Full PDB file with SEQRES, HELIX, SHEET, SSBOND, CRYST1, ORIGX, SCALE, CONECT and MASTER records, all heavy atoms in Angstrom:
SEQRES   1 A   39  GLU PRO ILE LEU LEU ASN ALA PRO THR TYR LEU PRO PHE          
SEQRES   2 A   39  TYR PRO GLU ASP MET ALA TYR VAL GLN GLU HIS LEU ASP          
SEQRES   3 A   39  THR LEU VAL VAL LYS ASP VAL SER GLU ALA GLY GLY TYR          
HELIX    1 AA1 PRO A   15  HIS A   24  1                                  10    
HELIX    2 AA2 LEU A   25  THR A   27  5                                   3    
CRYST1    1.000    1.000    1.000  90.00  90.00  90.00 P 1           1          
ORIGX1      1.000000  0.000000  0.000000        0.00000                         
ORIGX2      0.000000  1.000000  0.000000        0.00000                         
ORIGX3      0.000000  0.000000  1.000000        0.00000                         
SCALE1      1.000000  0.000000  0.000000        0.00000                         
SCALE2      0.000000  1.000000  0.000000        0.00000                         
SCALE3      0.000000  0.000000  1.000000        0.00000                         
ATOM      1  N   GLU A   1      44.857 -46.214  36.328  1.00  0.00           N  
ATOM      2  CA  GLU A   1      43.857 -45.448  35.604  1.00  0.00           C  
ATOM      3  C   GLU A   1      42.461 -45.886  36.055  1.00  0.00           C  
ATOM      4  O   GLU A   1      42.234 -47.078  36.303  1.00  0.00           O  
ATOM      5  CB  GLU A   1      43.991 -45.651  34.096  1.00  0.00           C  
ATOM      6  CG  GLU A   1      45.140 -44.875  33.479  1.00  0.00           C  
ATOM      7  CD  GLU A   1      44.994 -43.363  33.702  1.00  0.00           C  
ATOM      8  OE1 GLU A   1      43.922 -42.811  33.381  1.00  0.00           O  
ATOM      9  OE2 GLU A   1      45.952 -42.757  34.207  1.00  0.00           O  
ATOM     10  N   PRO A   2      41.542 -44.952  36.187  1.00  0.00           N  
ATOM     11  CA  PRO A   2      40.187 -45.332  36.618  1.00  0.00           C  
ATOM     12  C   PRO A   2      39.538 -46.305  35.646  1.00  0.00           C  
ATOM     13  O   PRO A   2      39.603 -46.120  34.427  1.00  0.00           O  
ATOM     14  CB  PRO A   2      39.442 -44.001  36.639  1.00  0.00           C  
ATOM     15  CG  PRO A   2      40.503 -42.953  36.739  1.00  0.00           C  
ATOM     16  CD  PRO A   2      41.688 -43.501  36.017  1.00  0.00           C  
ATOM     17  N   ILE A   3      38.935 -47.338  36.197  1.00  0.00           N  
ATOM     18  CA  ILE A   3      38.247 -48.334  35.374  1.00  0.00           C  
ATOM     19  C   ILE A   3      36.848 -47.837  35.008  1.00  0.00           C  
ATOM     20  O   ILE A   3      36.382 -48.041  33.884  1.00  0.00           O  
ATOM     21  CB  ILE A   3      38.165 -49.672  36.130  1.00  0.00           C  
ATOM     22  CG1 ILE A   3      39.579 -50.226  36.359  1.00  0.00           C  
ATOM     23  CG2 ILE A   3      37.311 -50.687  35.378  1.00  0.00           C  
ATOM     24  CD1 ILE A   3      39.647 -51.368  37.359  1.00  0.00           C  
ATOM     25  N   LEU A   4      36.196 -47.161  35.948  1.00  0.00           N  
ATOM     26  CA  LEU A   4      34.858 -46.613  35.708  1.00  0.00           C  
ATOM     27  C   LEU A   4      34.933 -45.094  35.607  1.00  0.00           C  
ATOM     28  O   LEU A   4      35.706 -44.461  36.320  1.00  0.00           O  
ATOM     29  CB  LEU A   4      33.909 -47.026  36.833  1.00  0.00           C  
ATOM     30  CG  LEU A   4      33.664 -48.523  36.972  1.00  0.00           C  
ATOM     31  CD1 LEU A   4      32.831 -48.820  38.213  1.00  0.00           C  
ATOM     32  CD2 LEU A   4      32.973 -49.085  35.731  1.00  0.00           C  
ATOM     33  N   LEU A   5      34.120 -44.529  34.753  1.00  0.00           N  
ATOM     34  CA  LEU A   5      34.177 -43.102  34.459  1.00  0.00           C  
ATOM     35  C   LEU A   5      33.232 -42.292  35.331  1.00  0.00           C  
ATOM     36  O   LEU A   5      32.148 -42.745  35.690  1.00  0.00           O  
ATOM     37  CB  LEU A   5      33.804 -42.858  32.994  1.00  0.00           C  
ATOM     38  CG  LEU A   5      34.643 -43.559  31.926  1.00  0.00           C  
ATOM     39  CD1 LEU A   5      34.040 -43.310  30.548  1.00  0.00           C  
ATOM     40  CD2 LEU A   5      36.083 -43.075  31.970  1.00  0.00           C  
ATOM     41  N   ASN A   6      33.646 -41.077  35.665  1.00  0.00           N  
ATOM     42  CA  ASN A   6      32.723 -40.064  36.170  1.00  0.00           C  
ATOM     43  C   ASN A   6      31.883 -39.547  35.012  1.00  0.00           C  
ATOM     44  O   ASN A   6      32.328 -39.572  33.852  1.00  0.00           O  
ATOM     45  CB  ASN A   6      33.481 -38.869  36.746  1.00  0.00           C  
ATOM     46  CG  ASN A   6      33.878 -39.052  38.197  1.00  0.00           C  
ATOM     47  OD1 ASN A   6      33.798 -40.149  38.746  1.00  0.00           O  
ATOM     48  ND2 ASN A   6      34.314 -37.976  38.831  1.00  0.00           N  
ATOM     49  N   ALA A   7      30.699 -39.034  35.317  1.00  0.00           N  
ATOM     50  CA  ALA A   7      29.984 -38.246  34.315  1.00  0.00           C  
ATOM     51  C   ALA A   7      30.825 -37.000  34.021  1.00  0.00           C  
ATOM     52  O   ALA A   7      31.476 -36.467  34.926  1.00  0.00           O  
ATOM     53  CB  ALA A   7      28.620 -37.838  34.843  1.00  0.00           C  
ATOM     54  N   PRO A   8      30.872 -36.522  32.772  1.00  0.00           N  
ATOM     55  CA  PRO A   8      31.634 -35.296  32.477  1.00  0.00           C  
ATOM     56  C   PRO A   8      31.149 -34.148  33.367  1.00  0.00           C  
ATOM     57  O   PRO A   8      29.971 -33.777  33.333  1.00  0.00           O  
ATOM     58  CB  PRO A   8      31.313 -35.035  31.003  1.00  0.00           C  
ATOM     59  CG  PRO A   8      30.953 -36.381  30.452  1.00  0.00           C  
ATOM     60  CD  PRO A   8      30.255 -37.097  31.568  1.00  0.00           C  
ATOM     61  N   THR A   9      32.064 -33.626  34.185  1.00  0.00           N  
ATOM     62  CA  THR A   9      31.697 -32.697  35.261  1.00  0.00           C  
ATOM     63  C   THR A   9      32.517 -31.428  35.196  1.00  0.00           C  
ATOM     64  O   THR A   9      33.711 -31.465  34.873  1.00  0.00           O  
ATOM     65  CB  THR A   9      31.900 -33.371  36.637  1.00  0.00           C  
ATOM     66  OG1 THR A   9      31.137 -34.589  36.676  1.00  0.00           O  
ATOM     67  CG2 THR A   9      31.452 -32.476  37.787  1.00  0.00           C  
ATOM     68  N   TYR A  10      31.888 -30.307  35.539  1.00  0.00           N  
ATOM     69  CA  TYR A  10      32.559 -29.008  35.541  1.00  0.00           C  
ATOM     70  C   TYR A  10      32.419 -28.378  36.920  1.00  0.00           C  
ATOM     71  O   TYR A  10      31.355 -28.434  37.537  1.00  0.00           O  
ATOM     72  CB  TYR A  10      31.954 -28.093  34.478  1.00  0.00           C  
ATOM     73  CG  TYR A  10      31.900 -28.744  33.120  1.00  0.00           C  
ATOM     74  CD1 TYR A  10      30.728 -29.369  32.681  1.00  0.00           C  
ATOM     75  CD2 TYR A  10      33.030 -28.785  32.299  1.00  0.00           C  
ATOM     76  CE1 TYR A  10      30.693 -30.005  31.452  1.00  0.00           C  
ATOM     77  CE2 TYR A  10      32.990 -29.417  31.062  1.00  0.00           C  
ATOM     78  CZ  TYR A  10      31.823 -30.030  30.649  1.00  0.00           C  
ATOM     79  OH  TYR A  10      31.779 -30.671  29.442  1.00  0.00           O  
ATOM     80  N   LEU A  11      33.511 -27.793  37.395  1.00  0.00           N  
ATOM     81  CA  LEU A  11      33.518 -27.100  38.678  1.00  0.00           C  
ATOM     82  C   LEU A  11      33.578 -25.602  38.441  1.00  0.00           C  
ATOM     83  O   LEU A  11      34.609 -25.087  37.990  1.00  0.00           O  
ATOM     84  CB  LEU A  11      34.728 -27.523  39.521  1.00  0.00           C  
ATOM     85  CG  LEU A  11      34.725 -28.909  40.132  1.00  0.00           C  
ATOM     86  CD1 LEU A  11      35.907 -29.049  41.074  1.00  0.00           C  
ATOM     87  CD2 LEU A  11      33.444 -29.188  40.881  1.00  0.00           C  
ATOM     88  N   PRO A  12      32.524 -24.860  38.723  1.00  0.00           N  
ATOM     89  CA  PRO A  12      32.556 -23.400  38.552  1.00  0.00           C  
ATOM     90  C   PRO A  12      33.646 -22.742  39.394  1.00  0.00           C  
ATOM     91  O   PRO A  12      33.996 -21.589  39.158  1.00  0.00           O  
ATOM     92  CB  PRO A  12      31.160 -22.967  39.003  1.00  0.00           C  
ATOM     93  CG  PRO A  12      30.305 -24.175  38.813  1.00  0.00           C  
ATOM     94  CD  PRO A  12      31.191 -25.339  39.119  1.00  0.00           C  
ATOM     95  N   PHE A  13      34.194 -23.470  40.353  1.00  0.00           N  
ATOM     96  CA  PHE A  13      35.315 -22.998  41.163  1.00  0.00           C  
ATOM     97  C   PHE A  13      36.503 -22.597  40.282  1.00  0.00           C  
ATOM     98  O   PHE A  13      37.238 -21.666  40.577  1.00  0.00           O  
ATOM     99  CB  PHE A  13      35.704 -24.118  42.133  1.00  0.00           C  
ATOM    100  CG  PHE A  13      36.929 -23.859  42.953  1.00  0.00           C  
ATOM    101  CD1 PHE A  13      36.861 -23.119  44.130  1.00  0.00           C  
ATOM    102  CD2 PHE A  13      38.160 -24.366  42.572  1.00  0.00           C  
ATOM    103  CE1 PHE A  13      37.995 -22.893  44.893  1.00  0.00           C  
ATOM    104  CE2 PHE A  13      39.298 -24.146  43.326  1.00  0.00           C  
ATOM    105  CZ  PHE A  13      39.215 -23.406  44.494  1.00  0.00           C  
ATOM    106  N   TYR A  14      36.670 -23.329  39.156  1.00  0.00           N  
ATOM    107  CA  TYR A  14      37.749 -23.032  38.210  1.00  0.00           C  
ATOM    108  C   TYR A  14      37.236 -22.061  37.150  1.00  0.00           C  
ATOM    109  O   TYR A  14      36.159 -22.286  36.574  1.00  0.00           O  
ATOM    110  CB  TYR A  14      38.247 -24.308  37.538  1.00  0.00           C  
ATOM    111  CG  TYR A  14      38.942 -25.270  38.472  1.00  0.00           C  
ATOM    112  CD1 TYR A  14      38.470 -26.568  38.648  1.00  0.00           C  
ATOM    113  CD2 TYR A  14      40.086 -24.884  39.169  1.00  0.00           C  
ATOM    114  CE1 TYR A  14      39.110 -27.457  39.503  1.00  0.00           C  
ATOM    115  CE2 TYR A  14      40.734 -25.772  40.020  1.00  0.00           C  
ATOM    116  CZ  TYR A  14      40.237 -27.042  40.183  1.00  0.00           C  
ATOM    117  OH  TYR A  14      40.878 -27.917  41.031  1.00  0.00           O  
ATOM    118  N   PRO A  15      37.981 -20.998  36.857  1.00  0.00           N  
ATOM    119  CA  PRO A  15      37.500 -19.983  35.902  1.00  0.00           C  
ATOM    120  C   PRO A  15      37.113 -20.549  34.543  1.00  0.00           C  
ATOM    121  O   PRO A  15      36.094 -20.154  33.963  1.00  0.00           O  
ATOM    122  CB  PRO A  15      38.690 -19.012  35.793  1.00  0.00           C  
ATOM    123  CG  PRO A  15      39.414 -19.162  37.096  1.00  0.00           C  
ATOM    124  CD  PRO A  15      39.272 -20.600  37.478  1.00  0.00           C  
ATOM    125  N   GLU A  16      37.919 -21.502  34.026  1.00  0.00           N  
ATOM    126  CA  GLU A  16      37.607 -22.043  32.700  1.00  0.00           C  
ATOM    127  C   GLU A  16      36.310 -22.854  32.735  1.00  0.00           C  
ATOM    128  O   GLU A  16      35.523 -22.840  31.776  1.00  0.00           O  
ATOM    129  CB  GLU A  16      38.762 -22.902  32.160  1.00  0.00           C  
ATOM    130  CG  GLU A  16      39.132 -24.111  33.010  1.00  0.00           C  
ATOM    131  CD  GLU A  16      40.148 -23.814  34.103  1.00  0.00           C  
ATOM    132  OE1 GLU A  16      40.261 -22.636  34.526  1.00  0.00           O  
ATOM    133  OE2 GLU A  16      40.824 -24.768  34.527  1.00  0.00           O  
ATOM    134  N   ASP A  17      36.069 -23.557  33.845  1.00  0.00           N  
ATOM    135  CA  ASP A  17      34.819 -24.311  33.970  1.00  0.00           C  
ATOM    136  C   ASP A  17      33.637 -23.371  34.167  1.00  0.00           C  
ATOM    137  O   ASP A  17      32.535 -23.613  33.649  1.00  0.00           O  
ATOM    138  CB  ASP A  17      34.907 -25.292  35.137  1.00  0.00           C  
ATOM    139  CG  ASP A  17      35.703 -26.551  34.803  1.00  0.00           C  
ATOM    140  OD1 ASP A  17      36.381 -26.545  33.759  1.00  0.00           O  
ATOM    141  OD2 ASP A  17      35.663 -27.517  35.578  1.00  0.00           O  
ATOM    142  N   MET A  18      33.849 -22.308  34.932  1.00  0.00           N  
ATOM    143  CA  MET A  18      32.791 -21.312  35.118  1.00  0.00           C  
ATOM    144  C   MET A  18      32.361 -20.738  33.767  1.00  0.00           C  
ATOM    145  O   MET A  18      31.152 -20.610  33.483  1.00  0.00           O  
ATOM    146  CB  MET A  18      33.255 -20.187  36.039  1.00  0.00           C  
ATOM    147  CG  MET A  18      32.261 -19.028  36.175  1.00  0.00           C  
ATOM    148  SD  MET A  18      30.723 -19.471  37.013  1.00  0.00           S  
ATOM    149  CE  MET A  18      31.258 -19.258  38.732  1.00  0.00           C  
ATOM    150  N   ALA A  19      33.342 -20.417  32.927  1.00  0.00           N  
ATOM    151  CA  ALA A  19      33.017 -19.849  31.613  1.00  0.00           C  
ATOM    152  C   ALA A  19      32.210 -20.844  30.780  1.00  0.00           C  
ATOM    153  O   ALA A  19      31.222 -20.469  30.125  1.00  0.00           O  
ATOM    154  CB  ALA A  19      34.310 -19.470  30.886  1.00  0.00           C  
ATOM    155  N   TYR A  20      32.611 -22.127  30.833  1.00  0.00           N  
ATOM    156  CA  TYR A  20      31.898 -23.149  30.058  1.00  0.00           C  
ATOM    157  C   TYR A  20      30.467 -23.314  30.576  1.00  0.00           C  
ATOM    158  O   TYR A  20      29.510 -23.387  29.800  1.00  0.00           O  
ATOM    159  CB  TYR A  20      32.637 -24.484  30.134  1.00  0.00           C  
ATOM    160  CG  TYR A  20      31.981 -25.561  29.307  1.00  0.00           C  
ATOM    161  CD1 TYR A  20      32.318 -25.731  27.962  1.00  0.00           C  
ATOM    162  CD2 TYR A  20      31.000 -26.395  29.852  1.00  0.00           C  
ATOM    163  CE1 TYR A  20      31.704 -26.703  27.188  1.00  0.00           C  
ATOM    164  CE2 TYR A  20      30.375 -27.369  29.085  1.00  0.00           C  
ATOM    165  CZ  TYR A  20      30.734 -27.520  27.759  1.00  0.00           C  
ATOM    166  OH  TYR A  20      30.117 -28.474  26.981  1.00  0.00           O  
ATOM    167  N   VAL A  21      30.321 -23.360  31.904  1.00  0.00           N  
ATOM    168  CA  VAL A  21      29.001 -23.544  32.501  1.00  0.00           C  
ATOM    169  C   VAL A  21      28.076 -22.385  32.150  1.00  0.00           C  
ATOM    170  O   VAL A  21      26.913 -22.579  31.772  1.00  0.00           O  
ATOM    171  CB  VAL A  21      29.112 -23.702  34.033  1.00  0.00           C  
ATOM    172  CG1 VAL A  21      27.738 -23.654  34.698  1.00  0.00           C  
ATOM    173  CG2 VAL A  21      29.814 -25.023  34.384  1.00  0.00           C  
ATOM    174  N   GLN A  22      28.586 -21.167  32.242  1.00  0.00           N  
ATOM    175  CA  GLN A  22      27.757 -20.002  31.935  1.00  0.00           C  
ATOM    176  C   GLN A  22      27.314 -20.010  30.468  1.00  0.00           C  
ATOM    177  O   GLN A  22      26.183 -19.626  30.151  1.00  0.00           O  
ATOM    178  CB  GLN A  22      28.536 -18.719  32.245  1.00  0.00           C  
ATOM    179  CG  GLN A  22      28.831 -18.501  33.726  1.00  0.00           C  
ATOM    180  CD  GLN A  22      27.592 -18.138  34.535  1.00  0.00           C  
ATOM    181  OE1 GLN A  22      26.641 -17.576  34.023  1.00  0.00           O  
ATOM    182  NE2 GLN A  22      27.609 -18.469  35.819  1.00  0.00           N  
ATOM    183  N   GLU A  23      28.183 -20.482  29.602  1.00  0.00           N  
ATOM    184  CA  GLU A  23      27.869 -20.473  28.167  1.00  0.00           C  
ATOM    185  C   GLU A  23      26.919 -21.608  27.776  1.00  0.00           C  
ATOM    186  O   GLU A  23      26.131 -21.476  26.834  1.00  0.00           O  
ATOM    187  CB  GLU A  23      29.170 -20.585  27.353  1.00  0.00           C  
ATOM    188  CG  GLU A  23      28.966 -20.436  25.860  1.00  0.00           C  
ATOM    189  CD  GLU A  23      30.275 -20.479  25.087  1.00  0.00           C  
ATOM    190  OE1 GLU A  23      31.351 -20.347  25.713  1.00  0.00           O  
ATOM    191  OE2 GLU A  23      30.221 -20.647  23.851  1.00  0.00           O  
ATOM    192  N   HIS A  24      26.988 -22.742  28.502  1.00  0.00           N  
ATOM    193  CA  HIS A  24      26.213 -23.928  28.104  1.00  0.00           C  
ATOM    194  C   HIS A  24      25.166 -24.326  29.144  1.00  0.00           C  
ATOM    195  O   HIS A  24      24.720 -25.474  29.152  1.00  0.00           O  
ATOM    196  CB  HIS A  24      27.163 -25.111  27.862  1.00  0.00           C  
ATOM    197  CG  HIS A  24      28.147 -24.893  26.754  1.00  0.00           C  
ATOM    198  ND1 HIS A  24      29.373 -24.300  26.970  1.00  0.00           N  
ATOM    199  CD2 HIS A  24      28.079 -25.172  25.429  1.00  0.00           C  
ATOM    200  CE1 HIS A  24      30.023 -24.236  25.825  1.00  0.00           C  
ATOM    201  NE2 HIS A  24      29.266 -24.748  24.872  1.00  0.00           N  
ATOM    202  N   LEU A  25      24.767 -23.403  29.962  1.00  0.00           N  
ATOM    203  CA  LEU A  25      23.879 -23.723  31.070  1.00  0.00           C  
ATOM    204  C   LEU A  25      22.573 -24.376  30.607  1.00  0.00           C  
ATOM    205  O   LEU A  25      22.002 -25.216  31.306  1.00  0.00           O  
ATOM    206  CB  LEU A  25      23.568 -22.449  31.869  1.00  0.00           C  
ATOM    207  CG  LEU A  25      23.042 -22.615  33.297  1.00  0.00           C  
ATOM    208  CD1 LEU A  25      23.992 -23.455  34.139  1.00  0.00           C  
ATOM    209  CD2 LEU A  25      22.823 -21.258  33.938  1.00  0.00           C  
ATOM    210  N   ASP A  26      22.115 -24.027  29.422  1.00  0.00           N  
ATOM    211  CA  ASP A  26      20.838 -24.554  28.942  1.00  0.00           C  
ATOM    212  C   ASP A  26      20.907 -26.022  28.531  1.00  0.00           C  
ATOM    213  O   ASP A  26      19.870 -26.652  28.283  1.00  0.00           O  
ATOM    214  CB  ASP A  26      20.309 -23.712  27.775  1.00  0.00           C  
ATOM    215  CG  ASP A  26      21.265 -23.676  26.599  1.00  0.00           C  
ATOM    216  OD1 ASP A  26      22.485 -23.897  26.796  1.00  0.00           O  
ATOM    217  OD2 ASP A  26      20.808 -23.433  25.466  1.00  0.00           O  
ATOM    218  N   THR A  27      22.120 -26.596  28.473  1.00  0.00           N  
ATOM    219  CA  THR A  27      22.251 -28.009  28.095  1.00  0.00           C  
ATOM    220  C   THR A  27      22.782 -28.876  29.237  1.00  0.00           C  
ATOM    221  O   THR A  27      22.899 -30.087  29.077  1.00  0.00           O  
ATOM    222  CB  THR A  27      23.196 -28.168  26.890  1.00  0.00           C  
ATOM    223  OG1 THR A  27      24.523 -27.779  27.274  1.00  0.00           O  
ATOM    224  CG2 THR A  27      22.728 -27.340  25.708  1.00  0.00           C  
ATOM    225  N   LEU A  28      23.109 -28.270  30.374  1.00  0.00           N  
ATOM    226  CA  LEU A  28      23.739 -28.992  31.480  1.00  0.00           C  
ATOM    227  C   LEU A  28      22.732 -29.299  32.582  1.00  0.00           C  
ATOM    228  O   LEU A  28      21.644 -28.726  32.626  1.00  0.00           O  
ATOM    229  CB  LEU A  28      24.885 -28.165  32.064  1.00  0.00           C  
ATOM    230  CG  LEU A  28      26.037 -27.815  31.121  1.00  0.00           C  
ATOM    231  CD1 LEU A  28      27.002 -26.855  31.794  1.00  0.00           C  
ATOM    232  CD2 LEU A  28      26.768 -29.082  30.680  1.00  0.00           C  
ATOM    233  N   VAL A  29      23.120 -30.217  33.468  1.00  0.00           N  
ATOM    234  CA  VAL A  29      22.371 -30.427  34.708  1.00  0.00           C  
ATOM    235  C   VAL A  29      23.227 -29.851  35.830  1.00  0.00           C  
ATOM    236  O   VAL A  29      24.425 -30.123  35.917  1.00  0.00           O  
ATOM    237  CB  VAL A  29      22.037 -31.926  34.951  1.00  0.00           C  
ATOM    238  CG1 VAL A  29      23.272 -32.800  34.923  1.00  0.00           C  
ATOM    239  CG2 VAL A  29      21.313 -32.102  36.272  1.00  0.00           C  
ATOM    240  N   VAL A  30      22.630 -29.021  36.660  1.00  0.00           N  
ATOM    241  CA  VAL A  30      23.344 -28.354  37.752  1.00  0.00           C  
ATOM    242  C   VAL A  30      22.881 -28.953  39.068  1.00  0.00           C  
ATOM    243  O   VAL A  30      21.684 -29.131  39.306  1.00  0.00           O  
ATOM    244  CB  VAL A  30      23.090 -26.829  37.728  1.00  0.00           C  
ATOM    245  CG1 VAL A  30      23.763 -26.157  38.919  1.00  0.00           C  
ATOM    246  CG2 VAL A  30      23.606 -26.236  36.418  1.00  0.00           C  
ATOM    247  N   LYS A  31      23.847 -29.271  39.940  1.00  0.00           N  
ATOM    248  CA  LYS A  31      23.532 -29.899  41.224  1.00  0.00           C  
ATOM    249  C   LYS A  31      24.067 -29.044  42.367  1.00  0.00           C  
ATOM    250  O   LYS A  31      25.211 -28.602  42.341  1.00  0.00           O  
ATOM    251  CB  LYS A  31      24.152 -31.304  41.302  1.00  0.00           C  
ATOM    252  CG  LYS A  31      23.617 -32.265  40.245  1.00  0.00           C  
ATOM    253  CD  LYS A  31      24.260 -33.640  40.358  1.00  0.00           C  
ATOM    254  CE  LYS A  31      23.698 -34.594  39.315  1.00  0.00           C  
ATOM    255  NZ  LYS A  31      24.318 -35.943  39.416  1.00  0.00           N  
ATOM    256  N   ASP A  32      23.225 -28.857  43.344  1.00  0.00           N  
ATOM    257  CA  ASP A  32      23.604 -28.169  44.569  1.00  0.00           C  
ATOM    258  C   ASP A  32      24.290 -29.193  45.464  1.00  0.00           C  
ATOM    259  O   ASP A  32      23.691 -30.207  45.837  1.00  0.00           O  
ATOM    260  CB  ASP A  32      22.345 -27.614  45.250  1.00  0.00           C  
ATOM    261  CG  ASP A  32      22.657 -26.730  46.448  1.00  0.00           C  
ATOM    262  OD1 ASP A  32      23.648 -26.998  47.142  1.00  0.00           O  
ATOM    263  OD2 ASP A  32      21.887 -25.789  46.705  1.00  0.00           O  
ATOM    264  N   VAL A  33      25.556 -28.955  45.826  1.00  0.00           N  
ATOM    265  CA  VAL A  33      26.334 -29.965  46.547  1.00  0.00           C  
ATOM    266  C   VAL A  33      25.805 -30.215  47.955  1.00  0.00           C  
ATOM    267  O   VAL A  33      26.145 -31.228  48.577  1.00  0.00           O  
ATOM    268  CB  VAL A  33      27.831 -29.595  46.611  1.00  0.00           C  
ATOM    269  CG1 VAL A  33      28.408 -29.428  45.218  1.00  0.00           C  
ATOM    270  CG2 VAL A  33      28.066 -28.341  47.451  1.00  0.00           C  
ATOM    271  N   SER A  34      24.980 -29.331  48.483  1.00  0.00           N  
ATOM    272  CA  SER A  34      24.468 -29.509  49.840  1.00  0.00           C  
ATOM    273  C   SER A  34      23.181 -30.325  49.882  1.00  0.00           C  
ATOM    274  O   SER A  34      22.686 -30.649  50.956  1.00  0.00           O  
ATOM    275  CB  SER A  34      24.209 -28.148  50.497  1.00  0.00           C  
ATOM    276  OG  SER A  34      23.183 -27.450  49.808  1.00  0.00           O  
ATOM    277  N   GLU A  35      22.641 -30.669  48.707  1.00  0.00           N  
ATOM    278  CA  GLU A  35      21.371 -31.396  48.656  1.00  0.00           C  
ATOM    279  C   GLU A  35      21.609 -32.877  48.389  1.00  0.00           C  
ATOM    280  O   GLU A  35      22.673 -33.287  47.933  1.00  0.00           O  
ATOM    281  CB  GLU A  35      20.477 -30.818  47.559  1.00  0.00           C  
ATOM    282  CG  GLU A  35      20.081 -29.364  47.786  1.00  0.00           C  
ATOM    283  CD  GLU A  35      18.948 -29.216  48.776  1.00  0.00           C  
ATOM    284  OE1 GLU A  35      18.499 -30.233  49.345  1.00  0.00           O  
ATOM    285  OE2 GLU A  35      18.493 -28.077  48.985  1.00  0.00           O  
ATOM    286  N   ALA A  36      20.594 -33.685  48.667  1.00  0.00           N  
ATOM    287  CA  ALA A  36      20.660 -35.125  48.425  1.00  0.00           C  
ATOM    288  C   ALA A  36      19.266 -35.627  48.096  1.00  0.00           C  
ATOM    289  O   ALA A  36      18.278 -34.882  48.160  1.00  0.00           O  
ATOM    290  CB  ALA A  36      21.220 -35.847  49.648  1.00  0.00           C  
ATOM    291  N   GLY A  37      19.181 -36.926  47.736  1.00  0.00           N  
ATOM    292  CA  GLY A  37      17.876 -37.539  47.506  1.00  0.00           C  
ATOM    293  C   GLY A  37      17.174 -37.052  46.249  1.00  0.00           C  
ATOM    294  O   GLY A  37      15.953 -37.153  46.138  1.00  0.00           O  
ATOM    295  N   GLY A  38      17.934 -36.530  45.295  1.00  0.00           N  
ATOM    296  CA  GLY A  38      17.336 -36.034  44.067  1.00  0.00           C  
ATOM    297  C   GLY A  38      16.900 -34.588  44.138  1.00  0.00           C  
ATOM    298  O   GLY A  38      16.434 -34.013  43.139  1.00  0.00           O  
ATOM    299  N   TYR A  39      17.046 -33.959  45.319  1.00  0.00           N  
ATOM    300  CA  TYR A  39      16.707 -32.542  45.461  1.00  0.00           C  
ATOM    301  C   TYR A  39      17.906 -31.699  45.017  1.00  0.00           C  
ATOM    302  O   TYR A  39      19.057 -32.137  45.055  1.00  0.00           O  
ATOM    303  CB  TYR A  39      16.349 -32.227  46.913  1.00  0.00           C  
ATOM    304  CG  TYR A  39      15.092 -32.913  47.382  1.00  0.00           C  
ATOM    305  CD1 TYR A  39      15.151 -34.094  48.112  1.00  0.00           C  
ATOM    306  CD2 TYR A  39      13.835 -32.380  47.074  1.00  0.00           C  
ATOM    307  CE1 TYR A  39      13.989 -34.736  48.533  1.00  0.00           C  
ATOM    308  CE2 TYR A  39      12.674 -33.014  47.491  1.00  0.00           C  
ATOM    309  CZ  TYR A  39      12.755 -34.196  48.222  1.00  0.00           C  
ATOM    310  OH  TYR A  39      11.612 -34.828  48.627  1.00  0.00           O  
TER     311      TYR A  39                                                      
MASTER        0    0    0    2    0    0    0    6  310    1    0    3          
END                                                                             
């Protein structure tokens, strides 16, 4: 079992996660996977 946790993460790739992200977008942080350095 993982000793250290990931931040709670959603993948819009999955339909159920997409639905959650669309509904709660105003409370989430969204990251572009192609960016780095805080961009």
